[in-house]
Amino acid sequence: MVESFTDKSRRELERMENLIQNLLKLARLDAGTIELEKAVFSLQSFLEKCIGSFATRAAQEGKSITLQCGDGPMLCLDETWLGEAVGNIIKNALDHTEPGDGIEISCAEAAAATEIIIRDNGAGIHPEDVHHIFKRFYRSRFSKDKQGVGIGLSLSKAIVEKHGGAVTVQSELGRGAEFHLIFPRLTNL
């Protein structure tokens, strides 16, 4: 009983700390005090690191995370901040994916853009919510997630936009959600 209470208290403290940290990050982005430290890096290696930070949780919950990217795509962005944006979307996908299901992460290159695609096969996003999920503190009345406060996706969007990119979502109820993070393609390496 005491151990259970201690574990619950620890988890709640961690959740509150994460919330406060995310609110501070949003405030810094709003204030324009963030100096991005851009560097060229491999998208494949970057995504492998992002997935690695969620591997234990995914395994414990009986969920899989797969990556299809290839060696080619390179980005010139702030790896730490981009990791925050991608991590929030992966966390959200894990929150809404059932045990036995998985998350697919891929990347694509077009003439003018490089894209990261994060796809889950969870419950999907209700049509009335799709246009609101990136708003701060937005919580769907249909969401099963009782812990979230509606900060993670808005933080991800702010970070992607700070890098000159865009984030979009496509979803169908009962078929999951697909997030696209789109960045101007790196040229003249």
C-alpha atoms as a PDB file:
ATOM      1  CA  MET A   1       0.000   0.000   0.000  1.00  0.00           C
ATOM      2  CA  VAL A   2       2.748   2.485   0.958  1.00  0.00           C
ATOM      3  CA  GLU A   3       4.821   1.487  -2.077  1.00  0.00           C
ATOM      4  CA  SER A   4       1.810   1.914  -4.345  1.00  0.00           C
ATOM      5  CA  PHE A   5       1.154   5.385  -2.932  1.00  0.00           C
ATOM      6  CA  THR A   6       4.838   6.289  -3.340  1.00  0.00           C
ATOM      7  CA  ASP A   7       4.852   5.114  -6.968  1.00  0.00           C
ATOM      8  CA  LYS A   8       1.668   7.030  -7.771  1.00  0.00           C
ATOM      9  CA  SER A   9       3.026  10.159  -6.109  1.00  0.00           C
ATOM     10  CA  ARG A  10       6.303   9.891  -8.015  1.00  0.00           C
ATOM     11  CA  ARG A  11       4.472   9.482 -11.350  1.00  0.00           C
ATOM     12  CA  GLU A  12       2.252  12.484 -10.633  1.00  0.00           C
ATOM     13  CA  LEU A  13       5.264  14.614  -9.673  1.00  0.00           C
ATOM     14  CA  GLU A  14       7.005  13.622 -12.927  1.00  0.00           C
ATOM     15  CA  ARG A  15       3.855  14.465 -14.889  1.00  0.00           C
ATOM     16  CA  MET A  16       3.601  17.876 -13.198  1.00  0.00           C
ATOM     17  CA  GLU A  17       7.292  18.563 -13.822  1.00  0.00           C
ATOM     18  CA  ASN A  18       6.868  17.707 -17.521  1.00  0.00           C
ATOM     19  CA  LEU A  19       3.844  19.991 -17.741  1.00  0.00           C
ATOM     20  CA  ILE A  20       5.734  22.889 -16.158  1.00  0.00           C
ATOM     21  CA  GLN A  21       8.743  22.314 -18.432  1.00  0.00           C
ATOM     22  CA  ASN A  22       6.512  22.263 -21.521  1.00  0.00           C
ATOM     23  CA  LEU A  23       4.748  25.465 -20.448  1.00  0.00           C
ATOM     24  CA  LEU A  24       8.132  27.145 -19.965  1.00  0.00           C
ATOM     25  CA  LYS A  25       9.255  25.982 -23.419  1.00  0.00           C
ATOM     26  CA  LEU A  26       6.084  27.402 -24.978  1.00  0.00           C
ATOM     27  CA  ALA A  27       6.600  30.703 -23.160  1.00  0.00           C
ATOM     28  CA  ARG A  28      10.193  30.913 -24.418  1.00  0.00           C
ATOM     29  CA  LEU A  29       9.066  30.181 -27.977  1.00  0.00           C
ATOM     30  CA  ASP A  30       6.351  32.855 -27.688  1.00  0.00           C
ATOM     31  CA  ALA A  31       8.805  35.399 -26.310  1.00  0.00           C
ATOM     32  CA  GLY A  32      11.262  34.727 -29.126  1.00  0.00           C
ATOM     33  CA  THR A  33      14.082  33.991 -26.692  1.00  0.00           C
ATOM     34  CA  ILE A  34      14.958  30.640 -28.262  1.00  0.00           C
ATOM     35  CA  GLU A  35      18.182  30.618 -30.260  1.00  0.00           C
ATOM     36  CA  LEU A  36      18.129  27.585 -32.510  1.00  0.00           C
ATOM     37  CA  GLU A  37      21.467  25.817 -32.790  1.00  0.00           C
ATOM     38  CA  LYS A  38      21.118  24.405 -36.277  1.00  0.00           C
ATOM     39  CA  ALA A  39      23.470  21.731 -37.542  1.00  0.00           C
ATOM     40  CA  VAL A  40      23.361  19.207 -40.374  1.00  0.00           C
ATOM     41  CA  PHE A  41      22.400  15.681 -39.312  1.00  0.00           C
ATOM     42  CA  SER A  42      21.124  12.418 -40.731  1.00  0.00           C
ATOM     43  CA  LEU A  43      17.362  12.077 -40.427  1.00  0.00           C
ATOM     44  CA  GLN A  44      17.685   8.281 -40.121  1.00  0.00           C
ATOM     45  CA  SER A  45      20.078   8.534 -37.142  1.00  0.00           C
ATOM     46  CA  PHE A  46      17.982  11.247 -35.530  1.00  0.00           C
ATOM     47  CA  LEU A  47      14.770   9.208 -35.775  1.00  0.00           C
ATOM     48  CA  GLU A  48      16.542   6.101 -34.437  1.00  0.00           C
ATOM     49  CA  LYS A  49      17.486   8.119 -31.327  1.00  0.00           C
ATOM     50  CA  CYS A  50      13.922   9.407 -30.934  1.00  0.00           C
ATOM     51  CA  ILE A  51      12.523   5.883 -31.180  1.00  0.00           C
ATOM     52  CA  GLY A  52      15.162   4.595 -28.759  1.00  0.00           C
ATOM     53  CA  SER A  53      13.941   6.939 -26.050  1.00  0.00           C
ATOM     54  CA  PHE A  54      10.479   5.317 -26.266  1.00  0.00           C
ATOM     55  CA  ALA A  55      11.576   1.696 -26.794  1.00  0.00           C
ATOM     56  CA  THR A  56      11.220   0.641 -23.149  1.00  0.00           C
ATOM     57  CA  ARG A  57       7.757   2.139 -22.787  1.00  0.00           C
ATOM     58  CA  ALA A  58       6.585   0.607 -26.083  1.00  0.00           C
ATOM     59  CA  ALA A  59       7.885  -2.842 -25.074  1.00  0.00           C
ATOM     60  CA  GLN A  60       6.282  -2.639 -21.623  1.00  0.00           C
ATOM     61  CA  GLU A  61       2.949  -1.720 -23.220  1.00  0.00           C
ATOM     62  CA  GLY A  62       3.186  -4.380 -25.947  1.00  0.00           C
ATOM     63  CA  LYS A  63       3.405  -1.833 -28.777  1.00  0.00           C
ATOM     64  CA  SER A  64       5.870  -1.611 -31.640  1.00  0.00           C
ATOM     65  CA  ILE A  65       7.601   1.344 -33.271  1.00  0.00           C
ATOM     66  CA  THR A  66       9.042   0.805 -36.754  1.00  0.00           C
ATOM     67  CA  LEU A  67      11.184   3.105 -38.884  1.00  0.00           C
ATOM     68  CA  GLN A  68      11.509   3.302 -42.657  1.00  0.00           C
ATOM     69  CA  CYS A  69      13.745   6.153 -43.697  1.00  0.00           C
ATOM     70  CA  GLY A  70      16.908   5.221 -45.560  1.00  0.00           C
ATOM     71  CA  ASP A  71      20.301   6.860 -45.337  1.00  0.00           C
ATOM     72  CA  GLY A  72      19.716   9.793 -47.678  1.00  0.00           C
ATOM     73  CA  PRO A  73      17.726  12.555 -46.002  1.00  0.00           C
ATOM     74  CA  MET A  74      19.717  15.203 -44.158  1.00  0.00           C
ATOM     75  CA  LEU A  75      18.332  18.126 -42.186  1.00  0.00           C
ATOM     76  CA  CYS A  76      19.857  21.363 -40.931  1.00  0.00           C
ATOM     77  CA  LEU A  77      17.807  22.067 -37.824  1.00  0.00           C
ATOM     78  CA  ASP A  78      18.221  22.227 -34.066  1.00  0.00           C
ATOM     79  CA  GLU A  79      18.330  18.532 -33.177  1.00  0.00           C
ATOM     80  CA  THR A  80      17.385  19.046 -29.519  1.00  0.00           C
ATOM     81  CA  TRP A  81      14.292  21.114 -30.254  1.00  0.00           C
ATOM     82  CA  LEU A  82      13.256  18.897 -33.151  1.00  0.00           C
ATOM     83  CA  GLY A  83      13.613  15.907 -30.801  1.00  0.00           C
ATOM     84  CA  GLU A  84      11.147  17.603 -28.465  1.00  0.00           C
ATOM     85  CA  ALA A  85       8.628  18.068 -31.292  1.00  0.00           C
ATOM     86  CA  VAL A  86       8.947  14.527 -32.650  1.00  0.00           C
ATOM     87  CA  GLY A  87       8.991  13.054 -29.137  1.00  0.00           C
ATOM     88  CA  ASN A  88       5.698  14.748 -28.248  1.00  0.00           C
ATOM     89  CA  ILE A  89       4.027  13.264 -31.319  1.00  0.00           C
ATOM     90  CA  ILE A  90       5.459   9.782 -30.671  1.00  0.00           C
ATOM     91  CA  LYS A  91       4.310   9.990 -27.035  1.00  0.00           C
ATOM     92  CA  ASN A  92       0.849  11.010 -28.194  1.00  0.00           C
ATOM     93  CA  ALA A  93       0.778   8.117 -30.677  1.00  0.00           C
ATOM     94  CA  LEU A  94       1.762   5.670 -27.913  1.00  0.00           C
ATOM     95  CA  ASP A  95      -0.954   7.105 -25.660  1.00  0.00           C
ATOM     96  CA  HIS A  96      -3.581   6.362 -28.306  1.00  0.00           C
ATOM     97  CA  THR A  97      -2.306   3.009 -29.602  1.00  0.00           C
ATOM     98  CA  GLU A  98      -3.618  -0.220 -28.121  1.00  0.00           C
ATOM     99  CA  PRO A  99      -1.337  -3.066 -26.949  1.00  0.00           C
ATOM    100  CA  GLY A 100      -0.461  -5.310 -29.882  1.00  0.00           C
ATOM    101  CA  ASP A 101      -0.621  -2.405 -32.331  1.00  0.00           C
ATOM    102  CA  GLY A 102       2.184  -0.199 -33.539  1.00  0.00           C
ATOM    103  CA  ILE A 103       3.477   3.138 -34.709  1.00  0.00           C
ATOM    104  CA  GLU A 104       5.172   3.579 -38.070  1.00  0.00           C
ATOM    105  CA  ILE A 105       7.663   6.374 -38.629  1.00  0.00           C
ATOM    106  CA  SER A 106       8.943   7.145 -42.098  1.00  0.00           C
ATOM    107  CA  CYS A 107      10.515   9.957 -44.034  1.00  0.00           C
ATOM    108  CA  ALA A 108      10.217  11.186 -47.575  1.00  0.00           C
ATOM    109  CA  GLU A 109      12.052  13.668 -49.762  1.00  0.00           C
ATOM    110  CA  ALA A 110      10.528  15.763 -52.508  1.00  0.00           C
ATOM    111  CA  ALA A 111      12.108  18.464 -54.656  1.00  0.00           C
ATOM    112  CA  ALA A 112      11.548  21.218 -52.093  1.00  0.00           C
ATOM    113  CA  ALA A 113      10.813  19.467 -48.794  1.00  0.00           C
ATOM    114  CA  THR A 114      11.810  16.711 -46.413  1.00  0.00           C
ATOM    115  CA  GLU A 115       8.992  15.086 -44.488  1.00  0.00           C
ATOM    116  CA  ILE A 116       8.727  13.031 -41.302  1.00  0.00           C
ATOM    117  CA  ILE A 117       5.565  10.920 -41.121  1.00  0.00           C
ATOM    118  CA  ILE A 118       4.361   9.447 -37.818  1.00  0.00           C
ATOM    119  CA  ARG A 119       1.425   7.062 -38.193  1.00  0.00           C
ATOM    120  CA  ASP A 120      -0.495   5.136 -35.565  1.00  0.00           C
ATOM    121  CA  ASN A 121      -3.426   2.763 -35.875  1.00  0.00           C
ATOM    122  CA  GLY A 122      -5.205   3.897 -32.734  1.00  0.00           C
ATOM    123  CA  ALA A 123      -8.754   5.163 -32.397  1.00  0.00           C
ATOM    124  CA  GLY A 124      -8.168   8.156 -34.656  1.00  0.00           C
ATOM    125  CA  ILE A 125      -9.161  11.765 -34.120  1.00  0.00           C
ATOM    126  CA  HIS A 126     -12.812  12.758 -34.167  1.00  0.00           C
ATOM    127  CA  PRO A 127     -13.590  14.915 -37.242  1.00  0.00           C
ATOM    128  CA  GLU A 128     -14.682  17.869 -35.099  1.00  0.00           C
ATOM    129  CA  ASP A 129     -11.296  17.812 -33.327  1.00  0.00           C
ATOM    130  CA  VAL A 130      -8.900  17.598 -36.294  1.00  0.00           C
ATOM    131  CA  HIS A 131      -8.763  21.367 -36.816  1.00  0.00           C
ATOM    132  CA  HIS A 132      -8.283  22.105 -33.112  1.00  0.00           C
ATOM    133  CA  ILE A 133      -5.733  19.578 -31.824  1.00  0.00           C
ATOM    134  CA  PHE A 134      -2.782  21.958 -32.220  1.00  0.00           C
ATOM    135  CA  LYS A 135      -4.440  24.645 -30.091  1.00  0.00           C
ATOM    136  CA  ARG A 136      -3.076  25.108 -26.593  1.00  0.00           C
ATOM    137  CA  PHE A 137      -4.994  23.334 -23.863  1.00  0.00           C
ATOM    138  CA  TYR A 138      -7.406  21.817 -26.375  1.00  0.00           C
ATOM    139  CA  ARG A 139      -8.824  18.558 -25.099  1.00  0.00           C
ATOM    140  CA  SER A 140     -11.271  16.541 -27.097  1.00  0.00           C
ATOM    141  CA  ARG A 141     -14.424  15.508 -25.337  1.00  0.00           C
ATOM    142  CA  PHE A 142     -13.938  12.164 -27.110  1.00  0.00           C
ATOM    143  CA  SER A 143     -10.410  11.549 -25.776  1.00  0.00           C
ATOM    144  CA  LYS A 144      -9.733   8.538 -23.578  1.00  0.00           C
ATOM    145  CA  ASP A 145      -6.537  10.214 -22.315  1.00  0.00           C
ATOM    146  CA  LYS A 146      -7.390  11.638 -18.902  1.00  0.00           C
ATOM    147  CA  GLN A 147      -3.832  12.741 -18.034  1.00  0.00           C
ATOM    148  CA  GLY A 148      -3.052  15.110 -20.912  1.00  0.00           C
ATOM    149  CA  VAL A 149      -3.680  18.841 -20.720  1.00  0.00           C
ATOM    150  CA  GLY A 150      -3.372  19.759 -24.403  1.00  0.00           C
ATOM    151  CA  ILE A 151       0.169  21.140 -24.488  1.00  0.00           C
ATOM    152  CA  GLY A 152       2.290  18.567 -26.354  1.00  0.00           C
ATOM    153  CA  LEU A 153       0.910  18.962 -29.875  1.00  0.00           C
ATOM    154  CA  SER A 154       0.823  22.768 -29.668  1.00  0.00           C
ATOM    155  CA  LEU A 155       4.451  22.728 -28.503  1.00  0.00           C
ATOM    156  CA  SER A 156       5.391  20.429 -31.399  1.00  0.00           C
ATOM    157  CA  LYS A 157       3.692  22.755 -33.878  1.00  0.00           C
ATOM    158  CA  ALA A 158       5.436  25.841 -32.446  1.00  0.00           C
ATOM    159  CA  ILE A 159       8.841  24.132 -32.657  1.00  0.00           C
ATOM    160  CA  VAL A 160       8.315  22.941 -36.234  1.00  0.00           C
ATOM    161  CA  GLU A 161       7.163  26.411 -37.297  1.00  0.00           C
ATOM    162  CA  LYS A 162      10.168  28.024 -35.552  1.00  0.00           C
ATOM    163  CA  HIS A 163      12.290  25.905 -37.926  1.00  0.00           C
ATOM    164  CA  GLY A 164      10.372  27.197 -40.967  1.00  0.00           C
ATOM    165  CA  GLY A 165       8.362  23.994 -41.282  1.00  0.00           C
ATOM    166  CA  ALA A 166       4.745  22.949 -41.052  1.00  0.00           C
ATOM    167  CA  VAL A 167       2.862  20.157 -39.311  1.00  0.00           C
ATOM    168  CA  THR A 168      -0.376  18.600 -40.529  1.00  0.00           C
ATOM    169  CA  VAL A 169      -2.562  15.706 -39.459  1.00  0.00           C
ATOM    170  CA  GLN A 170      -4.859  13.332 -41.286  1.00  0.00           C
ATOM    171  CA  SER A 171      -7.120  10.963 -39.417  1.00  0.00           C
ATOM    172  CA  GLU A 172     -10.055   8.674 -39.782  1.00  0.00           C
ATOM    173  CA  LEU A 173     -12.012   7.389 -36.795  1.00  0.00           C
ATOM    174  CA  GLY A 174     -11.113   3.808 -36.001  1.00  0.00           C
ATOM    175  CA  ARG A 175      -8.114   3.873 -38.345  1.00  0.00           C
ATOM    176  CA  GLY A 176      -5.562   6.002 -36.513  1.00  0.00           C
ATOM    177  CA  ALA A 177      -3.809   9.281 -37.212  1.00  0.00           C
ATOM    178  CA  GLU A 178      -0.965  10.362 -39.465  1.00  0.00           C
ATOM    179  CA  PHE A 179       1.173  13.402 -38.615  1.00  0.00           C
ATOM    180  CA  HIS A 180       3.367  15.060 -41.253  1.00  0.00           C
ATOM    181  CA  LEU A 181       6.266  17.308 -40.220  1.00  0.00           C
ATOM    182  CA  ILE A 182       7.434  19.121 -43.351  1.00  0.00           C
ATOM    183  CA  PHE A 183      10.702  21.069 -43.602  1.00  0.00           C
ATOM    184  CA  PRO A 184      12.374  22.927 -46.466  1.00  0.00           C
ATOM    185  CA  ARG A 185      14.796  20.540 -48.145  1.00  0.00           C
ATOM    186  CA  LEU A 186      18.469  21.020 -47.401  1.00  0.00           C
ATOM    187  CA  THR A 187      20.404  21.939 -50.536  1.00  0.00           C
ATOM    188  CA  ASN A 188      24.044  22.674 -51.402  1.00  0.00           C
ATOM    189  CA  LEU A 189      25.723  20.553 -48.740  1.00  0.00           C
END
